[in-house]
Amino acid sequence: MSDEPLAFEPEQFQGLARVFPLPNLVMFPHVMQALHIFEPRYRALLEDALAGDRLITMATIAPADSHSEGAASPGGGPALEPIACLCRVATHQRTPQGTYNALLLGVRRIRLGTELPPLRPFRVFEGEILEDVEPEVPEEATVAIQKDLLAAFRKTLPKIPDAQEQLDELLGAKVSLGMLSDIVAYSLDLDPRWKLRLLGERDVLRRTRLLVEALSARAARGPRPFPPLFSRN
């Protein structure tokens, strides 16, 4: 198992995004996602990342009936949603079969631009990092919306001790509102279109209000496992 420091600075991204597309996963900054990587093209993608900046962009494949801005691939691949998540490889392990188990940490939102010609087994796009926007509002307004978010989130959690303990640990870390909203959005059992809407909202307060709205609708649907299950490519 290989581990690397998780610190990230925007200057480490050179403007080209190696893209790992999945149909239903919407990745967010500040969260970790485990992957079992077995397809040759994505093994090549991971190896290329490990040899360089260790950055991989997790993107969502646009539904066939959507009106996504994503363009068709020069190599014939499916259209992708234009907003994705830039991730850093936190740990990786090569199996005896030549596949990989990897743990990715989301570090920034990213807008995908033009796709490069298919010169490698995996897809590469021009990319632009999207930083959070922190509106200048009174501190009490931020505290109030954070309380609304936490109250709504608690109603959706399974009534089991482990979930409550994980939430209490998160709150004890005194994370920012932007980080908290991303962690909660990732953990929710929401339609991917809802999650993409949250991923695409850079304004932290607007994103949190959208999330409170989503949580209020989610509360009546019953619990789901927390934290969410890992994905496979």
Protein backbone atom coordinates (compact mmCIF):
# COMPACT_ATOMS: atom_id res chain seq x y z
CA MET A 1 0.00 0.00 0.00
CA SER A 2 1.38 3.41 -1.00
CA ASP A 3 0.36 6.54 0.90
CA GLU A 4 0.95 10.16 -0.08
CA PRO A 5 0.39 13.53 1.64
CA LEU A 6 -3.13 14.82 0.97
CA ALA A 7 -2.33 18.53 0.84
CA PHE A 8 -3.33 20.15 -2.45
CA GLU A 9 -2.60 23.55 -3.96
CA PRO A 10 -4.40 24.72 -7.15
CA GLU A 11 -1.00 25.35 -8.78
CA GLN A 12 -0.45 21.58 -8.83
CA PHE A 13 -3.15 21.26 -11.51
CA GLN A 14 -1.68 22.04 -14.93
CA GLY A 15 -4.97 22.44 -16.80
CA LEU A 16 -5.39 18.94 -18.23
CA ALA A 17 -7.80 16.54 -16.54
CA ARG A 18 -7.46 12.75 -16.75
CA VAL A 19 -11.10 11.73 -16.60
CA PHE A 20 -12.53 8.66 -14.89
CA PRO A 21 -16.23 8.61 -15.89
CA LEU A 22 -18.96 6.70 -14.06
CA PRO A 23 -22.69 6.66 -14.80
CA ASN A 24 -24.16 7.36 -11.35
CA LEU A 25 -21.41 8.52 -9.01
CA VAL A 26 -21.20 12.25 -8.24
CA MET A 27 -17.98 12.92 -6.35
CA PHE A 28 -17.52 15.98 -4.10
CA PRO A 29 -14.54 17.81 -2.63
CA HIS A 30 -13.58 16.95 0.98
CA VAL A 31 -14.73 13.32 0.78
CA MET A 32 -13.00 10.03 0.04
CA GLN A 33 -14.05 7.41 -2.48
CA ALA A 34 -12.68 3.89 -2.80
CA LEU A 35 -12.34 2.36 -6.26
CA HIS A 36 -11.43 -1.07 -7.57
CA ILE A 37 -9.79 -0.35 -10.92
CA PHE A 38 -9.64 -3.29 -13.29
CA GLU A 39 -10.27 -2.05 -16.85
CA PRO A 40 -6.96 -1.65 -18.75
CA ARG A 41 -7.70 1.94 -19.79
CA TYR A 42 -8.34 3.04 -16.21
CA ARG A 43 -5.34 1.13 -14.92
CA ALA A 44 -3.35 3.16 -17.47
CA LEU A 45 -5.03 6.34 -16.21
CA LEU A 46 -4.08 5.61 -12.59
CA GLU A 47 -0.51 4.70 -13.52
CA ASP A 48 -0.17 7.95 -15.49
CA ALA A 49 -1.48 9.92 -12.51
CA LEU A 50 0.87 8.16 -10.10
CA ALA A 51 3.82 8.97 -12.34
CA GLY A 52 2.88 12.66 -12.28
CA ASP A 53 0.66 14.88 -10.16
CA ARG A 54 -1.50 12.05 -8.69
CA LEU A 55 -4.65 13.88 -9.86
CA ILE A 56 -7.71 12.16 -11.36
CA THR A 57 -11.00 13.81 -12.28
CA MET A 58 -14.14 11.89 -11.36
CA ALA A 59 -16.85 12.78 -13.88
CA THR A 60 -20.46 11.72 -14.31
CA ILE A 61 -21.70 10.29 -17.60
CA ALA A 62 -24.63 12.36 -18.85
CA PRO A 63 -27.90 10.42 -19.26
CA ALA A 64 -28.83 9.78 -22.88
CA ASP A 65 -32.03 11.84 -22.48
CA SER A 66 -30.35 14.78 -20.73
CA HIS A 67 -29.59 18.22 -22.12
CA SER A 68 -26.08 18.28 -20.68
CA GLU A 69 -23.60 20.79 -22.06
CA GLY A 70 -21.12 17.96 -22.37
CA ALA A 71 -19.82 17.47 -25.89
CA ALA A 72 -19.51 14.18 -27.75
CA SER A 73 -16.11 12.55 -27.46
CA PRO A 74 -13.68 12.68 -30.40
CA GLY A 75 -13.13 9.00 -29.68
CA GLY A 76 -16.82 8.17 -29.57
CA GLY A 77 -17.19 8.09 -25.77
CA PRO A 78 -20.39 9.19 -24.02
CA ALA A 79 -21.07 12.83 -23.18
CA LEU A 80 -20.05 13.87 -19.68
CA GLU A 81 -21.57 16.36 -17.27
CA PRO A 82 -19.51 19.57 -17.51
CA ILE A 83 -18.90 19.94 -13.76
CA ALA A 84 -16.78 17.23 -12.15
CA CYS A 85 -14.53 16.70 -9.13
CA LEU A 86 -10.76 16.86 -9.18
CA CYS A 87 -9.33 14.18 -6.88
CA ARG A 88 -5.95 13.26 -5.46
CA VAL A 89 -4.87 9.64 -5.11
CA ALA A 90 -4.51 9.21 -1.34
CA THR A 91 -3.52 5.54 -1.30
CA HIS A 92 -3.25 2.74 -3.82
CA GLN A 93 -2.44 -0.94 -3.86
CA ARG A 94 -1.68 -3.17 -6.84
CA THR A 95 -3.20 -6.64 -6.61
CA PRO A 96 -1.53 -9.86 -7.83
CA GLN A 97 -3.95 -9.79 -10.78
CA GLY A 98 -2.62 -6.41 -11.91
CA THR A 99 -5.71 -4.48 -10.85
CA TYR A 100 -5.69 -1.65 -8.30
CA ASN A 101 -7.48 -0.68 -5.15
CA ALA A 102 -7.30 3.09 -4.73
CA LEU A 103 -8.64 5.70 -2.35
CA LEU A 104 -9.32 9.13 -3.81
CA LEU A 105 -9.78 12.42 -1.97
CA GLY A 106 -11.89 15.09 -3.65
CA VAL A 107 -10.00 18.39 -3.66
CA ARG A 108 -11.81 20.86 -5.98
CA ARG A 109 -14.74 21.37 -8.33
CA ILE A 110 -13.66 21.49 -11.95
CA ARG A 111 -15.28 22.55 -15.22
CA LEU A 112 -14.45 20.30 -18.17
CA GLY A 113 -13.69 22.09 -21.41
CA THR A 114 -12.45 20.79 -24.75
CA GLU A 115 -11.59 17.11 -24.97
CA LEU A 116 -8.17 16.33 -26.40
CA PRO A 117 -7.76 13.94 -29.35
CA PRO A 118 -7.72 10.29 -28.20
CA LEU A 119 -3.98 9.69 -28.04
CA ARG A 120 -4.11 7.68 -24.80
CA PRO A 121 -6.33 4.81 -23.64
CA PHE A 122 -8.24 7.21 -21.32
CA ARG A 123 -9.96 10.53 -21.94
CA VAL A 124 -8.25 13.87 -21.26
CA PHE A 125 -9.99 17.27 -21.11
CA GLU A 126 -8.94 20.83 -20.66
CA GLY A 127 -10.12 21.77 -17.17
CA GLU A 128 -10.71 24.84 -15.02
CA ILE A 129 -10.74 24.74 -11.22
CA LEU A 130 -13.84 26.31 -9.66
CA GLU A 131 -13.27 27.78 -6.21
CA ASP A 132 -16.06 28.19 -3.66
CA VAL A 133 -17.66 31.62 -3.36
CA GLU A 134 -18.07 32.77 0.26
CA PRO A 135 -20.65 35.59 0.37
CA GLU A 136 -19.99 38.34 2.90
CA VAL A 137 -22.86 37.91 5.35
CA PRO A 138 -23.14 38.37 9.12
CA GLU A 139 -21.69 35.45 11.08
CA GLU A 140 -25.05 34.81 12.72
CA ALA A 141 -26.59 34.15 9.29
CA THR A 142 -23.97 31.49 8.56
CA VAL A 143 -24.49 29.92 11.99
CA ALA A 144 -28.25 29.85 11.47
CA ILE A 145 -28.10 28.07 8.12
CA GLN A 146 -25.55 25.61 9.50
CA LYS A 147 -27.97 24.78 12.33
CA ASP A 148 -30.76 24.29 9.77
CA LEU A 149 -28.55 21.95 7.76
CA LEU A 150 -27.54 19.87 10.76
CA ALA A 151 -31.10 19.63 12.05
CA ALA A 152 -32.32 18.44 8.66
CA PHE A 153 -29.41 16.02 8.29
CA ARG A 154 -30.02 14.41 11.67
CA LYS A 155 -33.58 13.56 10.61
CA THR A 156 -32.27 11.55 7.65
CA LEU A 157 -29.66 9.53 9.55
CA PRO A 158 -30.33 5.90 10.41
CA LYS A 159 -31.24 5.54 14.08
CA ILE A 160 -28.05 3.66 14.90
CA PRO A 161 -25.21 4.73 17.21
CA ASP A 162 -22.43 4.56 14.59
CA ALA A 163 -24.05 7.15 12.32
CA GLN A 164 -24.61 9.59 15.17
CA GLU A 165 -21.03 9.11 16.39
CA GLN A 166 -19.64 9.88 12.94
CA LEU A 167 -21.73 13.03 12.72
CA ASP A 168 -20.64 14.15 16.20
CA GLU A 169 -17.00 13.57 15.22
CA LEU A 170 -17.48 15.65 12.09
CA LEU A 171 -19.03 18.50 14.06
CA GLY A 172 -16.23 18.34 16.61
CA ALA A 173 -13.74 19.06 13.83
CA LYS A 174 -15.37 22.49 13.29
CA VAL A 175 -15.37 22.21 9.51
CA SER A 176 -16.34 25.11 7.27
CA LEU A 177 -19.87 25.45 5.93
CA GLY A 178 -18.66 24.68 2.41
CA MET A 179 -16.92 21.51 3.54
CA LEU A 180 -19.89 20.43 5.65
CA SER A 181 -22.32 20.93 2.76
CA ASP A 182 -20.15 18.84 0.43
CA ILE A 183 -19.79 15.99 2.92
CA VAL A 184 -23.53 15.90 3.58
CA ALA A 185 -24.38 16.14 -0.14
CA TYR A 186 -22.09 13.20 -0.92
CA SER A 187 -23.60 11.03 1.80
CA LEU A 188 -27.22 11.62 0.79
CA ASP A 189 -29.26 9.09 -1.15
CA LEU A 190 -30.31 11.61 -3.80
CA ASP A 191 -31.02 11.42 -7.50
CA PRO A 192 -27.73 12.12 -9.34
CA ARG A 193 -29.34 15.16 -11.00
CA TRP A 194 -29.84 16.69 -7.55
CA LYS A 195 -26.24 15.95 -6.63
CA LEU A 196 -24.99 17.47 -9.88
CA ARG A 197 -26.96 20.60 -9.10
CA LEU A 198 -25.26 20.79 -5.70
CA LEU A 199 -21.84 20.09 -7.19
CA GLY A 200 -22.36 22.87 -9.71
CA GLU A 201 -23.29 25.50 -7.11
CA ARG A 202 -20.18 27.43 -6.12
CA ASP A 203 -21.95 29.85 -3.77
CA VAL A 204 -21.67 28.18 -0.36
CA LEU A 205 -24.84 29.71 1.10
CA ARG A 206 -26.96 28.92 -1.95
CA ARG A 207 -25.59 25.38 -2.00
CA THR A 208 -26.42 24.88 1.67
CA ARG A 209 -29.96 26.19 1.22
CA LEU A 210 -30.46 23.80 -1.71
CA LEU A 211 -29.18 21.00 0.49
CA VAL A 212 -31.57 21.84 3.33
CA GLU A 213 -34.40 21.71 0.79
CA ALA A 214 -33.21 18.32 -0.46
CA LEU A 215 -32.86 16.98 3.09
CA SER A 216 -36.36 18.07 4.01
CA ALA A 217 -37.73 16.08 1.07
CA ARG A 218 -35.43 13.14 1.86
CA ALA A 219 -36.41 12.82 5.54
CA ALA A 220 -39.71 11.08 4.77
CA ARG A 221 -38.09 8.38 2.62
CA GLY A 222 -36.40 6.41 5.40
CA PRO A 223 -32.74 5.70 6.22
CA ARG A 224 -29.85 4.56 4.07
CA PRO A 225 -26.40 3.22 5.05
CA PHE A 226 -24.05 5.88 6.39
CA PRO A 227 -21.40 6.47 5.20
CA PRO A 228 -22.32 5.51 1.61
CA LEU A 229 -21.06 2.35 -0.01
CA PHE A 230 -17.95 2.44 -2.17
CA SER A 231 -18.11 2.34 -5.96
CA ARG A 232 -16.48 0.11 -8.53
CA ASN A 233 -15.48 1.07 -12.06
